[in-house]
Amino acid sequence: MSATAWADDPITVCGTKLTDTLTGPAEFAAWSSYGGDDVCQVTPKVLTCDLSRPSTRRGCGSDLFVTVRTTGQGAISHRGVIASGRITTAPTTA
């Protein structure tokens, strides 16, 4: 499973929340954070995480590792939504 969000604009994103929802015969089994400082709540079908690291450029931010377990046969999909409470833009020069 993978979810990525970025902007090419010079922005800093803070207070980020990730909500990922599974559909089909699968459930979230476990999660871990590369930095160890993110906080997630998990139910069988929904993973919600408060990401602690500000994202200041593409490739910089939080990394989560999620294990999904199948519970039967059939198609599996997920929908990730990433939202932020605070975005600041870098000053531009003329």
PDB file of N, CA and C in Angstrom:
ATOM      1  N   MET A   1       0.839  -1.165   0.000  1.00  0.00           N
ATOM      2  CA  MET A   1       0.000   0.000   0.000  1.00  0.00           C
ATOM      3  C   MET A   1       0.883   1.227   0.000  1.00  0.00           C
ATOM      4  N   SER A   2       0.489   2.226  -0.752  1.00  0.00           N
ATOM      5  CA  SER A   2       1.287   3.435  -0.848  1.00  0.00           C
ATOM      6  C   SER A   2       0.371   4.647  -0.962  1.00  0.00           C
ATOM      7  N   ALA A   3       0.765   5.732  -0.314  1.00  0.00           N
ATOM      8  CA  ALA A   3       0.077   7.017  -0.459  1.00  0.00           C
ATOM      9  C   ALA A   3       1.132   8.105  -0.422  1.00  0.00           C
ATOM     10  N   THR A   4       1.114   8.985  -1.397  1.00  0.00           N
ATOM     11  CA  THR A   4       2.086  10.060  -1.491  1.00  0.00           C
ATOM     12  C   THR A   4       1.365  11.360  -1.802  1.00  0.00           C
ATOM     13  N   ALA A   5       1.813  12.431  -1.161  1.00  0.00           N
ATOM     14  CA  ALA A   5       1.273  13.759  -1.470  1.00  0.00           C
ATOM     15  C   ALA A   5       2.431  14.740  -1.501  1.00  0.00           C
ATOM     16  N   TRP A   6       2.429  15.631  -2.490  1.00  0.00           N
ATOM     17  CA  TRP A   6       3.440  16.664  -2.550  1.00  0.00           C
ATOM     18  C   TRP A   6       2.937  17.822  -3.379  1.00  0.00           C
ATOM     19  N   ALA A   7       3.659  18.925  -3.292  1.00  0.00           N
ATOM     20  CA  ALA A   7       3.374  20.092  -4.127  1.00  0.00           C
ATOM     21  C   ALA A   7       4.699  20.601  -4.666  1.00  0.00           C
ATOM     22  N   ASP A   8       4.692  21.095  -5.873  1.00  0.00           N
ATOM     23  CA  ASP A   8       5.913  21.660  -6.452  1.00  0.00           C
ATOM     24  C   ASP A   8       6.166  23.079  -5.956  1.00  0.00           C
ATOM     25  N   ASP A   9       5.171  23.681  -5.312  1.00  0.00           N
ATOM     26  CA  ASP A   9       5.325  25.032  -4.784  1.00  0.00           C
ATOM     27  C   ASP A   9       6.166  24.999  -3.512  1.00  0.00           C
ATOM     28  N   PRO A  10       6.843  26.103  -3.193  1.00  0.00           N
ATOM     29  CA  PRO A  10       7.629  26.163  -1.953  1.00  0.00           C
ATOM     30  C   PRO A  10       6.712  26.366  -0.742  1.00  0.00           C
ATOM     31  N   ILE A  11       6.220  25.278  -0.171  1.00  0.00           N
ATOM     32  CA  ILE A  11       5.311  25.360   0.966  1.00  0.00           C
ATOM     33  C   ILE A  11       5.822  24.490   2.107  1.00  0.00           C
ATOM     34  N   THR A  12       5.352  24.788   3.302  1.00  0.00           N
ATOM     35  CA  THR A  12       5.585  23.937   4.459  1.00  0.00           C
ATOM     36  C   THR A  12       4.221  23.475   4.953  1.00  0.00           C
ATOM     37  N   VAL A  13       4.069  22.159   5.109  1.00  0.00           N
ATOM     38  CA  VAL A  13       2.802  21.580   5.538  1.00  0.00           C
ATOM     39  C   VAL A  13       2.979  21.029   6.950  1.00  0.00           C
ATOM     40  N   CYS A  14       2.139  21.490   7.881  1.00  0.00           N
ATOM     41  CA  CYS A  14       2.192  21.045   9.275  1.00  0.00           C
ATOM     42  C   CYS A  14       0.810  20.548   9.693  1.00  0.00           C
ATOM     43  N   GLY A  15       0.768  19.786  10.766  1.00  0.00           N
ATOM     44  CA  GLY A  15      -0.512  19.316  11.286  1.00  0.00           C
ATOM     45  C   GLY A  15      -1.213  18.380  10.320  1.00  0.00           C
ATOM     46  N   THR A  16      -0.462  17.497   9.689  1.00  0.00           N
ATOM     47  CA  THR A  16      -1.010  16.643   8.648  1.00  0.00           C
ATOM     48  C   THR A  16      -1.683  15.408   9.226  1.00  0.00           C
ATOM     49  N   LYS A  17      -2.832  15.069   8.666  1.00  0.00           N
ATOM     50  CA  LYS A  17      -3.569  13.874   9.065  1.00  0.00           C
ATOM     51  C   LYS A  17      -3.792  13.007   7.831  1.00  0.00           C
ATOM     52  N   LEU A  18      -3.499  11.718   7.959  1.00  0.00           N
ATOM     53  CA  LEU A  18      -3.745  10.744   6.905  1.00  0.00           C
ATOM     54  C   LEU A  18      -4.883   9.843   7.343  1.00  0.00           C
ATOM     55  N   THR A  19      -5.877   9.671   6.472  1.00  0.00           N
ATOM     56  CA  THR A  19      -6.954   8.713   6.707  1.00  0.00           C
ATOM     57  C   THR A  19      -6.981   7.782   5.508  1.00  0.00           C
ATOM     58  N   ASP A  20      -6.823   6.497   5.741  1.00  0.00           N
ATOM     59  CA  ASP A  20      -6.828   5.510   4.667  1.00  0.00           C
ATOM     60  C   ASP A  20      -7.915   4.483   4.955  1.00  0.00           C
ATOM     61  N   THR A  21      -8.740   4.222   3.955  1.00  0.00           N
ATOM     62  CA  THR A  21      -9.878   3.313   4.105  1.00  0.00           C
ATOM     63  C   THR A  21      -9.743   2.147   3.136  1.00  0.00           C
ATOM     64  N   LEU A  22      -9.878   0.939   3.643  1.00  0.00           N
ATOM     65  CA  LEU A  22      -9.834  -0.278   2.828  1.00  0.00           C
ATOM     66  C   LEU A  22     -11.235  -0.696   2.416  1.00  0.00           C
ATOM     67  N   THR A  23     -11.331  -1.243   1.217  1.00  0.00           N
ATOM     68  CA  THR A  23     -12.564  -1.906   0.801  1.00  0.00           C
ATOM     69  C   THR A  23     -12.196  -3.290   0.286  1.00  0.00           C
ATOM     70  N   GLY A  24     -13.127  -4.190   0.392  1.00  0.00           N
ATOM     71  CA  GLY A  24     -12.877  -5.558  -0.042  1.00  0.00           C
ATOM     72  C   GLY A  24     -12.483  -6.439   1.125  1.00  0.00           C
ATOM     73  N   PRO A  25     -12.122  -7.682   0.823  1.00  0.00           N
ATOM     74  CA  PRO A  25     -11.809  -8.664   1.863  1.00  0.00           C
ATOM     75  C   PRO A  25     -10.387  -8.504   2.407  1.00  0.00           C
ATOM     76  N   ALA A  26     -10.185  -7.432   3.161  1.00  0.00           N
ATOM     77  CA  ALA A  26      -8.877  -7.162   3.762  1.00  0.00           C
ATOM     78  C   ALA A  26      -9.076  -6.311   5.005  1.00  0.00           C
ATOM     79  N   GLU A  27      -8.042  -6.303   5.851  1.00  0.00           N
ATOM     80  CA  GLU A  27      -8.074  -5.466   7.042  1.00  0.00           C
ATOM     81  C   GLU A  27      -6.665  -5.028   7.383  1.00  0.00           C
ATOM     82  N   PHE A  28      -6.578  -3.879   8.049  1.00  0.00           N
ATOM     83  CA  PHE A  28      -5.289  -3.408   8.529  1.00  0.00           C
ATOM     84  C   PHE A  28      -4.851  -4.309   9.679  1.00  0.00           C
ATOM     85  N   ALA A  29      -3.595  -4.757   9.618  1.00  0.00           N
ATOM     86  CA  ALA A  29      -3.083  -5.655  10.650  1.00  0.00           C
ATOM     87  C   ALA A  29      -2.087  -4.966  11.577  1.00  0.00           C
ATOM     88  N   ALA A  30      -1.289  -4.055  11.028  1.00  0.00           N
ATOM     89  CA  ALA A  30      -0.257  -3.399  11.839  1.00  0.00           C
ATOM     90  C   ALA A  30       0.243  -2.167  11.100  1.00  0.00           C
ATOM     91  N   TRP A  31       0.915  -1.291  11.838  1.00  0.00           N
ATOM     92  CA  TRP A  31       1.557  -0.129  11.234  1.00  0.00           C
ATOM     93  C   TRP A  31       2.780   0.217  12.063  1.00  0.00           C
ATOM     94  N   SER A  32       3.714   0.922  11.452  1.00  0.00           N
ATOM     95  CA  SER A  32       4.862   1.480  12.162  1.00  0.00           C
ATOM     96  C   SER A  32       5.291   2.743  11.430  1.00  0.00           C
ATOM     97  N   SER A  33       6.024   3.567  12.134  1.00  0.00           N
ATOM     98  CA  SER A  33       6.479   4.840  11.593  1.00  0.00           C
ATOM     99  C   SER A  33       7.996   4.830  11.530  1.00  0.00           C
ATOM    100  N   TYR A  34       8.558   5.254  10.409  1.00  0.00           N
ATOM    101  CA  TYR A  34      10.011   5.287  10.259  1.00  0.00           C
ATOM    102  C   TYR A  34      10.654   6.144  11.340  1.00  0.00           C
ATOM    103  N   GLY A  35      10.075   7.322  11.592  1.00  0.00           N
ATOM    104  CA  GLY A  35      10.628   8.217  12.604  1.00  0.00           C
ATOM    105  C   GLY A  35      10.223   7.845  14.020  1.00  0.00           C
ATOM    106  N   GLY A  36       9.160   7.046  14.153  1.00  0.00           N
ATOM    107  CA  GLY A  36       8.710   6.609  15.462  1.00  0.00           C
ATOM    108  C   GLY A  36       7.908   7.627  16.245  1.00  0.00           C
ATOM    109  N   ASP A  37       7.649   8.791  15.655  1.00  0.00           N
ATOM    110  CA  ASP A  37       6.961   9.825  16.415  1.00  0.00           C
ATOM    111  C   ASP A  37       5.577  10.169  15.853  1.00  0.00           C
ATOM    112  N   ASP A  38       5.086   9.391  14.895  1.00  0.00           N
ATOM    113  CA  ASP A  38       3.730   9.576  14.397  1.00  0.00           C
ATOM    114  C   ASP A  38       2.764   8.775  15.267  1.00  0.00           C
ATOM    115  N   VAL A  39       1.500   9.184  15.285  1.00  0.00           N
ATOM    116  CA  VAL A  39       0.494   8.514  16.101  1.00  0.00           C
ATOM    117  C   VAL A  39      -0.641   8.066  15.185  1.00  0.00           C
ATOM    118  N   CYS A  40      -0.956   6.760  15.231  1.00  0.00           N
ATOM    119  CA  CYS A  40      -2.030   6.225  14.394  1.00  0.00           C
ATOM    120  C   CYS A  40      -3.029   5.450  15.236  1.00  0.00           C
ATOM    121  N   GLN A  41      -4.278   5.493  14.787  1.00  0.00           N
ATOM    122  CA  GLN A  41      -5.333   4.648  15.326  1.00  0.00           C
ATOM    123  C   GLN A  41      -5.770   3.750  14.174  1.00  0.00           C
ATOM    124  N   VAL A  42      -5.980   2.477  14.490  1.00  0.00           N
ATOM    125  CA  VAL A  42      -6.326   1.538  13.429  1.00  0.00           C
ATOM    126  C   VAL A  42      -7.537   0.711  13.837  1.00  0.00           C
ATOM    127  N   THR A  43      -8.466   0.590  12.908  1.00  0.00           N
ATOM    128  CA  THR A  43      -9.574  -0.350  13.020  1.00  0.00           C
ATOM    129  C   THR A  43      -9.387  -1.305  11.842  1.00  0.00           C
ATOM    130  N   PRO A  44     -10.155  -2.362  11.741  1.00  0.00           N
ATOM    131  CA  PRO A  44      -9.939  -3.280  10.621  1.00  0.00           C
ATOM    132  C   PRO A  44      -9.996  -2.613   9.242  1.00  0.00           C
ATOM    133  N   LYS A  45     -10.810  -1.579   9.063  1.00  0.00           N
ATOM    134  CA  LYS A  45     -10.975  -0.967   7.736  1.00  0.00           C
ATOM    135  C   LYS A  45     -10.451   0.457   7.602  1.00  0.00           C
ATOM    136  N   VAL A  46     -10.100   1.118   8.717  1.00  0.00           N
ATOM    137  CA  VAL A  46      -9.678   2.523   8.647  1.00  0.00           C
ATOM    138  C   VAL A  46      -8.414   2.735   9.469  1.00  0.00           C
ATOM    139  N   LEU A  47      -7.437   3.405   8.847  1.00  0.00           N
ATOM    140  CA  LEU A  47      -6.201   3.818   9.511  1.00  0.00           C
ATOM    141  C   LEU A  47      -6.190   5.339   9.514  1.00  0.00           C
ATOM    142  N   THR A  48      -6.048   5.949  10.698  1.00  0.00           N
ATOM    143  CA  THR A  48      -6.006   7.402  10.825  1.00  0.00           C
ATOM    144  C   THR A  48      -4.722   7.766  11.561  1.00  0.00           C
ATOM    145  N   CYS A  49      -3.916   8.629  10.947  1.00  0.00           N
ATOM    146  CA  CYS A  49      -2.614   8.974  11.531  1.00  0.00           C
ATOM    147  C   CYS A  49      -2.430  10.485  11.605  1.00  0.00           C
ATOM    148  N   ASP A  50      -1.896  10.942  12.734  1.00  0.00           N
ATOM    149  CA  ASP A  50      -1.433  12.311  12.895  1.00  0.00           C
ATOM    150  C   ASP A  50       0.066  12.277  12.631  1.00  0.00           C
ATOM    151  N   LEU A  51       0.483  12.918  11.547  1.00  0.00           N
ATOM    152  CA  LEU A  51       1.880  12.880  11.129  1.00  0.00           C
ATOM    153  C   LEU A  51       2.623  14.051  11.746  1.00  0.00           C
ATOM    154  N   SER A  52       3.679  13.749  12.456  1.00  0.00           N
ATOM    155  CA  SER A  52       4.329  14.760  13.279  1.00  0.00           C
ATOM    156  C   SER A  52       5.349  15.615  12.539  1.00  0.00           C
ATOM    157  N   ARG A  53       5.939  15.098  11.500  1.00  0.00           N
ATOM    158  CA  ARG A  53       7.009  15.844  10.832  1.00  0.00           C
ATOM    159  C   ARG A  53       6.455  16.828   9.807  1.00  0.00           C
ATOM    160  N   PRO A  54       6.901  18.082   9.868  1.00  0.00           N
ATOM    161  CA  PRO A  54       6.490  19.019   8.818  1.00  0.00           C
ATOM    162  C   PRO A  54       7.088  18.589   7.482  1.00  0.00           C
ATOM    163  N   SER A  55       6.341  18.762   6.437  1.00  0.00           N
ATOM    164  CA  SER A  55       6.832  18.471   5.096  1.00  0.00           C
ATOM    165  C   SER A  55       7.203  19.779   4.441  1.00  0.00           C
ATOM    166  N   THR A  56       8.479  19.949   4.106  1.00  0.00           N
ATOM    167  CA  THR A  56       8.956  21.209   3.539  1.00  0.00           C
ATOM    168  C   THR A  56       9.308  21.099   2.066  1.00  0.00           C
ATOM    169  N   ARG A  57       9.388  19.889   1.548  1.00  0.00           N
ATOM    170  CA  ARG A  57       9.684  19.701   0.132  1.00  0.00           C
ATOM    171  C   ARG A  57       9.348  18.269  -0.249  1.00  0.00           C
ATOM    172  N   ARG A  58       9.300  17.996  -1.527  1.00  0.00           N
ATOM    173  CA  ARG A  58       9.005  16.648  -1.999  1.00  0.00           C
ATOM    174  C   ARG A  58      10.037  15.667  -1.433  1.00  0.00           C
ATOM    175  N   GLY A  59       9.542  14.552  -0.937  1.00  0.00           N
ATOM    176  CA  GLY A  59      10.435  13.529  -0.396  1.00  0.00           C
ATOM    177  C   GLY A  59      10.795  13.736   1.060  1.00  0.00           C
ATOM    178  N   CYS A  60      10.245  14.764   1.687  1.00  0.00           N
ATOM    179  CA  CYS A  60      10.542  15.054   3.085  1.00  0.00           C
ATOM    180  C   CYS A  60       9.244  15.021   3.868  1.00  0.00           C
ATOM    181  N   GLY A  61       9.220  14.298   4.956  1.00  0.00           N
ATOM    182  CA  GLY A  61       8.005  14.192   5.758  1.00  0.00           C
ATOM    183  C   GLY A  61       7.994  12.875   6.492  1.00  0.00           C
ATOM    184  N   SER A  62       6.844  12.308   6.703  1.00  0.00           N
ATOM    185  CA  SER A  62       6.697  11.073   7.466  1.00  0.00           C
ATOM    186  C   SER A  62       6.619   9.864   6.540  1.00  0.00           C
ATOM    187  N   ASP A  63       7.188   8.770   7.005  1.00  0.00           N
ATOM    188  CA  ASP A  63       7.090   7.487   6.312  1.00  0.00           C
ATOM    189  C   ASP A  63       6.382   6.508   7.229  1.00  0.00           C
ATOM    190  N   LEU A  64       5.295   5.922   6.737  1.00  0.00           N
ATOM    191  CA  LEU A  64       4.557   4.906   7.483  1.00  0.00           C
ATOM    192  C   LEU A  64       4.656   3.581   6.746  1.00  0.00           C
ATOM    193  N   PHE A  65       4.715   2.516   7.509  1.00  0.00           N
ATOM    194  CA  PHE A  65       4.716   1.169   6.948  1.00  0.00           C
ATOM    195  C   PHE A  65       3.479   0.468   7.483  1.00  0.00           C
ATOM    196  N   VAL A  66       2.649  -0.033   6.577  1.00  0.00           N
ATOM    197  CA  VAL A  66       1.357  -0.601   6.948  1.00  0.00           C
ATOM    198  C   VAL A  66       1.268  -2.030   6.441  1.00  0.00           C
ATOM    199  N   THR A  67       0.803  -2.938   7.299  1.00  0.00           N
ATOM    200  CA  THR A  67       0.562  -4.323   6.907  1.00  0.00           C
ATOM    201  C   THR A  67      -0.940  -4.522   6.750  1.00  0.00           C
ATOM    202  N   VAL A  68      -1.332  -5.051   5.588  1.00  0.00           N
ATOM    203  CA  VAL A  68      -2.725  -5.358   5.299  1.00  0.00           C
ATOM    204  C   VAL A  68      -2.854  -6.860   5.155  1.00  0.00           C
ATOM    205  N   ARG A  69      -3.844  -7.434   5.799  1.00  0.00           N
ATOM    206  CA  ARG A  69      -4.075  -8.878   5.769  1.00  0.00           C
ATOM    207  C   ARG A  69      -5.353  -9.151   4.985  1.00  0.00           C
ATOM    208  N   THR A  70      -5.302 -10.155   4.097  1.00  0.00           N
ATOM    209  CA  THR A  70      -6.513 -10.531   3.369  1.00  0.00           C
ATOM    210  C   THR A  70      -7.396 -11.389   4.264  1.00  0.00           C
ATOM    211  N   THR A  71      -8.707 -11.261   4.049  1.00  0.00           N
ATOM    212  CA  THR A  71      -9.669 -12.032   4.849  1.00  0.00           C
ATOM    213  C   THR A  71     -10.531 -12.933   3.979  1.00  0.00           C
ATOM    214  N   GLY A  72     -10.278 -12.940   2.679  1.00  0.00           N
ATOM    215  CA  GLY A  72     -11.043 -13.771   1.759  1.00  0.00           C
ATOM    216  C   GLY A  72     -10.637 -13.465   0.328  1.00  0.00           C
ATOM    217  N   GLN A  73     -11.356 -14.027  -0.604  1.00  0.00           N
ATOM    218  CA  GLN A  73     -11.091 -13.791  -2.017  1.00  0.00           C
ATOM    219  C   GLN A  73     -11.821 -12.553  -2.494  1.00  0.00           C
ATOM    220  N   GLY A  74     -11.248 -11.897  -3.513  1.00  0.00           N
ATOM    221  CA  GLY A  74     -11.908 -10.743  -4.103  1.00  0.00           C
ATOM    222  C   GLY A  74     -10.970  -9.567  -4.267  1.00  0.00           C
ATOM    223  N   ALA A  75     -11.482  -8.531  -4.890  1.00  0.00           N
ATOM    224  CA  ALA A  75     -10.700  -7.323  -5.158  1.00  0.00           C
ATOM    225  C   ALA A  75     -10.528  -6.496  -3.879  1.00  0.00           C
ATOM    226  N   ILE A  76      -9.356  -5.913  -3.737  1.00  0.00           N
ATOM    227  CA  ILE A  76      -9.028  -5.052  -2.597  1.00  0.00           C
ATOM    228  C   ILE A  76      -8.601  -3.696  -3.137  1.00  0.00           C
ATOM    229  N   SER A  77      -9.076  -2.645  -2.501  1.00  0.00           N
ATOM    230  CA  SER A  77      -8.621  -1.303  -2.857  1.00  0.00           C
ATOM    231  C   SER A  77      -8.528  -0.461  -1.588  1.00  0.00           C
ATOM    232  N   HIS A  78      -7.883   0.692  -1.729  1.00  0.00           N
ATOM    233  CA  HIS A  78      -7.822   1.620  -0.602  1.00  0.00           C
ATOM    234  C   HIS A  78      -7.914   3.034  -1.129  1.00  0.00           C
ATOM    235  N   ARG A  79      -8.371   3.924  -0.260  1.00  0.00           N
ATOM    236  CA  ARG A  79      -8.462   5.348  -0.589  1.00  0.00           C
ATOM    237  C   ARG A  79      -7.800   6.124   0.530  1.00  0.00           C
ATOM    238  N   GLY A  80      -6.758   6.853   0.188  1.00  0.00           N
ATOM    239  CA  GLY A  80      -6.058   7.669   1.164  1.00  0.00           C
ATOM    240  C   GLY A  80      -6.398   9.134   0.996  1.00  0.00           C
ATOM    241  N   VAL A  81      -6.621   9.815   2.115  1.00  0.00           N
ATOM    242  CA  VAL A  81      -6.872  11.257   2.119  1.00  0.00           C
ATOM    243  C   VAL A  81      -5.865  11.887   3.067  1.00  0.00           C
ATOM    244  N   ILE A  82      -5.148  12.874   2.563  1.00  0.00           N
ATOM    245  CA  ILE A  82      -4.166  13.591   3.369  1.00  0.00           C
ATOM    246  C   ILE A  82      -4.646  15.034   3.483  1.00  0.00           C
ATOM    247  N   ALA A  83      -4.762  15.517   4.716  1.00  0.00           N
ATOM    248  CA  ALA A  83      -5.245  16.877   4.954  1.00  0.00           C
ATOM    249  C   ALA A  83      -4.326  17.575   5.944  1.00  0.00           C
ATOM    250  N   SER A  84      -4.280  18.889   5.867  1.00  0.00           N
ATOM    251  CA  SER A  84      -3.435  19.659   6.767  1.00  0.00           C
ATOM    252  C   SER A  84      -4.208  20.812   7.358  1.00  0.00           C
ATOM    253  N   GLY A  85      -3.901  21.099   8.609  1.00  0.00           N
ATOM    254  CA  GLY A  85      -4.518  22.244   9.267  1.00  0.00           C
ATOM    255  C   GLY A  85      -3.769  23.524   9.019  1.00  0.00           C
ATOM    256  N   ARG A  86      -2.506  23.426   8.535  1.00  0.00           N
ATOM    257  CA  ARG A  86      -1.710  24.654   8.373  1.00  0.00           C
ATOM    258  C   ARG A  86      -0.722  24.497   7.221  1.00  0.00           C
ATOM    259  N   ILE A  87      -0.791  25.398   6.274  1.00  0.00           N
ATOM    260  CA  ILE A  87       0.148  25.436   5.163  1.00  0.00           C
ATOM    261  C   ILE A  87       0.677  26.859   5.065  1.00  0.00           C
ATOM    262  N   THR A  88       1.986  26.983   4.952  1.00  0.00           N
ATOM    263  CA  THR A  88       2.584  28.302   4.762  1.00  0.00           C
ATOM    264  C   THR A  88       3.385  28.288   3.469  1.00  0.00           C
ATOM    265  N   THR A  89       3.398  29.412   2.791  1.00  0.00           N
ATOM    266  CA  THR A  89       4.168  29.507   1.555  1.00  0.00           C
ATOM    267  C   THR A  89       5.449  30.283   1.800  1.00  0.00           C
ATOM    268  N   ALA A  90       6.455  29.931   1.049  1.00  0.00           N
ATOM    269  CA  ALA A  90       7.728  30.625   1.155  1.00  0.00           C
ATOM    270  C   ALA A  90       7.617  31.968   0.428  1.00  0.00           C
ATOM    271  N   PRO A  91       8.318  32.976   0.910  1.00  0.00           N
ATOM    272  CA  PRO A  91       8.265  34.258   0.209  1.00  0.00           C
ATOM    273  C   PRO A  91       8.887  34.127  -1.188  1.00  0.00           C
ATOM    274  N   THR A  92       8.343  34.852  -2.133  1.00  0.00           N
ATOM    275  CA  THR A  92       8.892  34.841  -3.487  1.00  0.00           C
ATOM    276  C   THR A  92       9.753  36.061  -3.700  1.00  0.00           C
ATOM    277  N   THR A  93      10.704  35.931  -4.593  1.00  0.00           N
ATOM    278  CA  THR A  93      11.574  37.064  -4.907  1.00  0.00           C
ATOM    279  C   THR A  93      11.287  37.511  -6.324  1.00  0.00           C
ATOM    280  N   ALA A  94      11.381  38.800  -6.531  1.00  0.00           N
ATOM    281  CA  ALA A  94      11.097  39.361  -7.865  1.00  0.00           C
ATOM    282  C   ALA A  94      12.349  39.469  -8.682  1.00  0.00           C
TER     283      ALA A  94
END
